[in-house]
PDB file of N, CA and C in Angstrom:
ATOM      1  N   UNK A   1      27.534   2.874  -0.640  1.00  0.00           N
ATOM      2  CA  UNK A   1      26.612   3.502   0.316  1.00  0.00           C
ATOM      3  C   UNK A   1      25.677   4.457  -0.427  1.00  0.00           C
ATOM      4  N   UNK A   2      26.256   5.244  -1.329  1.00  0.00           N
ATOM      5  CA  UNK A   2      25.442   6.223  -2.056  1.00  0.00           C
ATOM      6  C   UNK A   2      24.379   5.524  -2.899  1.00  0.00           C
ATOM      7  N   UNK A   3      24.789   4.457  -3.574  1.00  0.00           N
ATOM      8  CA  UNK A   3      23.825   3.731  -4.408  1.00  0.00           C
ATOM      9  C   UNK A   3      22.739   3.110  -3.539  1.00  0.00           C
ATOM     10  N   UNK A   4      23.130   2.652  -2.357  1.00  0.00           N
ATOM     11  CA  UNK A   4      22.143   2.040  -1.453  1.00  0.00           C
ATOM     12  C   UNK A   4      21.114   3.077  -1.033  1.00  0.00           C
ATOM     13  N   UNK A   5      21.573   4.276  -0.716  1.00  0.00           N
ATOM     14  CA  UNK A   5      20.650   5.345  -0.312  1.00  0.00           C
ATOM     15  C   UNK A   5      19.713   5.683  -1.465  1.00  0.00           C
ATOM     16  N   UNK A   6      20.243   5.769  -2.660  1.00  0.00           N
ATOM     17  CA  UNK A   6      19.414   6.078  -3.828  1.00  0.00           C
ATOM     18  C   UNK A   6      18.355   5.005  -4.035  1.00  0.00           C
ATOM     19  N   UNK A   7      18.738   3.746  -3.833  1.00  0.00           N
ATOM     20  CA  UNK A   7      17.782   2.647  -4.009  1.00  0.00           C
ATOM     21  C   UNK A   7      16.678   2.739  -2.966  1.00  0.00           C
ATOM     22  N   UNK A   8      17.055   3.043  -1.722  1.00  0.00           N
ATOM     23  CA  UNK A   8      16.056   3.150  -0.648  1.00  0.00           C
ATOM     24  C   UNK A   8      15.107   4.307  -0.941  1.00  0.00           C
ATOM     25  N   UNK A   9      15.651   5.454  -1.344  1.00  0.00           N
ATOM     26  CA  UNK A   9      14.805   6.612  -1.640  1.00  0.00           C
ATOM     27  C   UNK A   9      13.858   6.288  -2.794  1.00  0.00           C
ATOM     28  N   UNK A  10      14.341   5.601  -3.793  1.00  0.00           N
ATOM     29  CA  UNK A  10      13.495   5.243  -4.938  1.00  0.00           C
ATOM     30  C   UNK A  10      12.364   4.322  -4.491  1.00  0.00           C
ATOM     31  N   UNK A  11      12.680   3.364  -3.626  1.00  0.00           N
ATOM     32  CA  UNK A  11      11.654   2.429  -3.156  1.00  0.00           C
ATOM     33  C   UNK A  11      10.604   3.164  -2.333  1.00  0.00           C
ATOM     34  N   UNK A  12      11.062   4.049  -1.444  1.00  0.00           N
ATOM     35  CA  UNK A  12      10.121   4.810  -0.611  1.00  0.00           C
ATOM     36  C   UNK A  12       9.251   5.696  -1.492  1.00  0.00           C
ATOM     37  N   UNK A  13       9.878   6.330  -2.465  1.00  0.00           N
ATOM     38  CA  UNK A  13       9.130   7.235  -3.344  1.00  0.00           C
ATOM     39  C   UNK A  13       8.078   6.470  -4.144  1.00  0.00           C
ATOM     40  N   UNK A  14       8.451   5.308  -4.645  1.00  0.00           N
ATOM     41  CA  UNK A  14       7.493   4.501  -5.419  1.00  0.00           C
ATOM     42  C   UNK A  14       6.347   4.046  -4.527  1.00  0.00           C
ATOM     43  N   UNK A  15       6.666   3.707  -3.267  1.00  0.00           N
ATOM     44  CA  UNK A  15       5.621   3.264  -2.334  1.00  0.00           C
ATOM     45  C   UNK A  15       4.664   4.414  -2.045  1.00  0.00           C
ATOM     46  N   UNK A  16       5.207   5.609  -1.831  1.00  0.00           N
ATOM     47  CA  UNK A  16       4.357   6.776  -1.556  1.00  0.00           C
ATOM     48  C   UNK A  16       3.482   7.071  -2.774  1.00  0.00           C
ATOM     49  N   UNK A  17       4.075   7.013  -3.963  1.00  0.00           N
ATOM     50  CA  UNK A  17       3.300   7.266  -5.182  1.00  0.00           C
ATOM     51  C   UNK A  17       2.156   6.263  -5.299  1.00  0.00           C
ATOM     52  N   UNK A  18       2.420   5.003  -4.964  1.00  0.00           N
ATOM     53  CA  UNK A  18       1.383   3.974  -5.053  1.00  0.00           C
ATOM     54  C   UNK A  18       0.255   4.282  -4.072  1.00  0.00           C
ATOM     55  N   UNK A  19       0.615   4.676  -2.849  1.00  0.00           N
ATOM     56  CA  UNK A  19      -0.415   4.981  -1.848  1.00  0.00           C
ATOM     57  C   UNK A  19      -1.238   6.185  -2.291  1.00  0.00           C
ATOM     58  N   UNK A  20      -0.569   7.215  -2.800  1.00  0.00           N
ATOM     59  CA  UNK A  20      -1.291   8.410  -3.242  1.00  0.00           C
ATOM     60  C   UNK A  20      -2.192   8.067  -4.427  1.00  0.00           C
ATOM     61  N   UNK A  21      -1.706   7.218  -5.319  1.00  0.00           N
ATOM     62  CA  UNK A  21      -2.489   6.862  -6.503  1.00  0.00           C
ATOM     63  C   UNK A  21      -3.749   6.104  -6.100  1.00  0.00           C
ATOM     64  N   UNK A  22      -3.672   5.316  -5.024  1.00  0.00           N
ATOM     65  CA  UNK A  22      -4.851   4.579  -4.574  1.00  0.00           C
ATOM     66  C   UNK A  22      -5.934   5.556  -4.119  1.00  0.00           C
ATOM     67  N   UNK A  23      -5.519   6.655  -3.485  1.00  0.00           N
ATOM     68  CA  UNK A  23      -6.506   7.615  -2.977  1.00  0.00           C
ATOM     69  C   UNK A  23      -6.965   8.555  -4.088  1.00  0.00           C
ATOM     70  N   UNK A  24      -6.017   9.052  -4.863  1.00  0.00           N
ATOM     71  CA  UNK A  24      -6.365  10.043  -5.888  1.00  0.00           C
ATOM     72  C   UNK A  24      -5.381   9.972  -7.043  1.00  0.00           C
ATOM     73  N   UNK A  25      -5.839   9.679  -8.244  1.00  0.00           N
ATOM     74  CA  UNK A  25      -4.937   9.640  -9.405  1.00  0.00           C
ATOM     75  C   UNK A  25      -4.284  11.005  -9.614  1.00  0.00           C
ATOM     76  N   UNK A  26      -3.002  11.048  -9.914  1.00  0.00           N
ATOM     77  CA  UNK A  26      -2.310  12.318 -10.132  1.00  0.00           C
ATOM     78  C   UNK A  26      -2.848  13.032 -11.365  1.00  0.00           C
ATOM     79  N   UNK A  27      -2.869  14.343 -11.364  1.00  0.00           N
ATOM     80  CA  UNK A  27      -3.364  15.108 -12.519  1.00  0.00           C
ATOM     81  C   UNK A  27      -2.493  14.855 -13.746  1.00  0.00           C
ATOM     82  N   UNK A  28      -3.136  14.701 -14.881  1.00  0.00           N
ATOM     83  CA  UNK A  28      -2.376  14.463 -16.104  1.00  0.00           C
ATOM     84  C   UNK A  28      -1.860  13.039 -16.182  1.00  0.00           C
ATOM     85  N   UNK A  29      -2.481  12.136 -15.441  1.00  0.00           N
ATOM     86  CA  UNK A  29      -2.020  10.746 -15.483  1.00  0.00           C
ATOM     87  C   UNK A  29      -2.257  10.147 -16.866  1.00  0.00           C
ATOM     88  N   UNK A  30      -3.395  10.501 -17.475  1.00  0.00           N
ATOM     89  CA  UNK A  30      -3.694  10.001 -18.808  1.00  0.00           C
ATOM     90  C   UNK A  30      -3.023  10.877 -19.847  1.00  0.00           C
TER      91      UNK A  30
END
């Protein structure tokens, strides 16, 4: 269960990062 939650959180976090990156690249990306 714990590993499943970690996997879900990682997927959500990566999705949010992708959406944010589309709008505005994070500072210090390069």
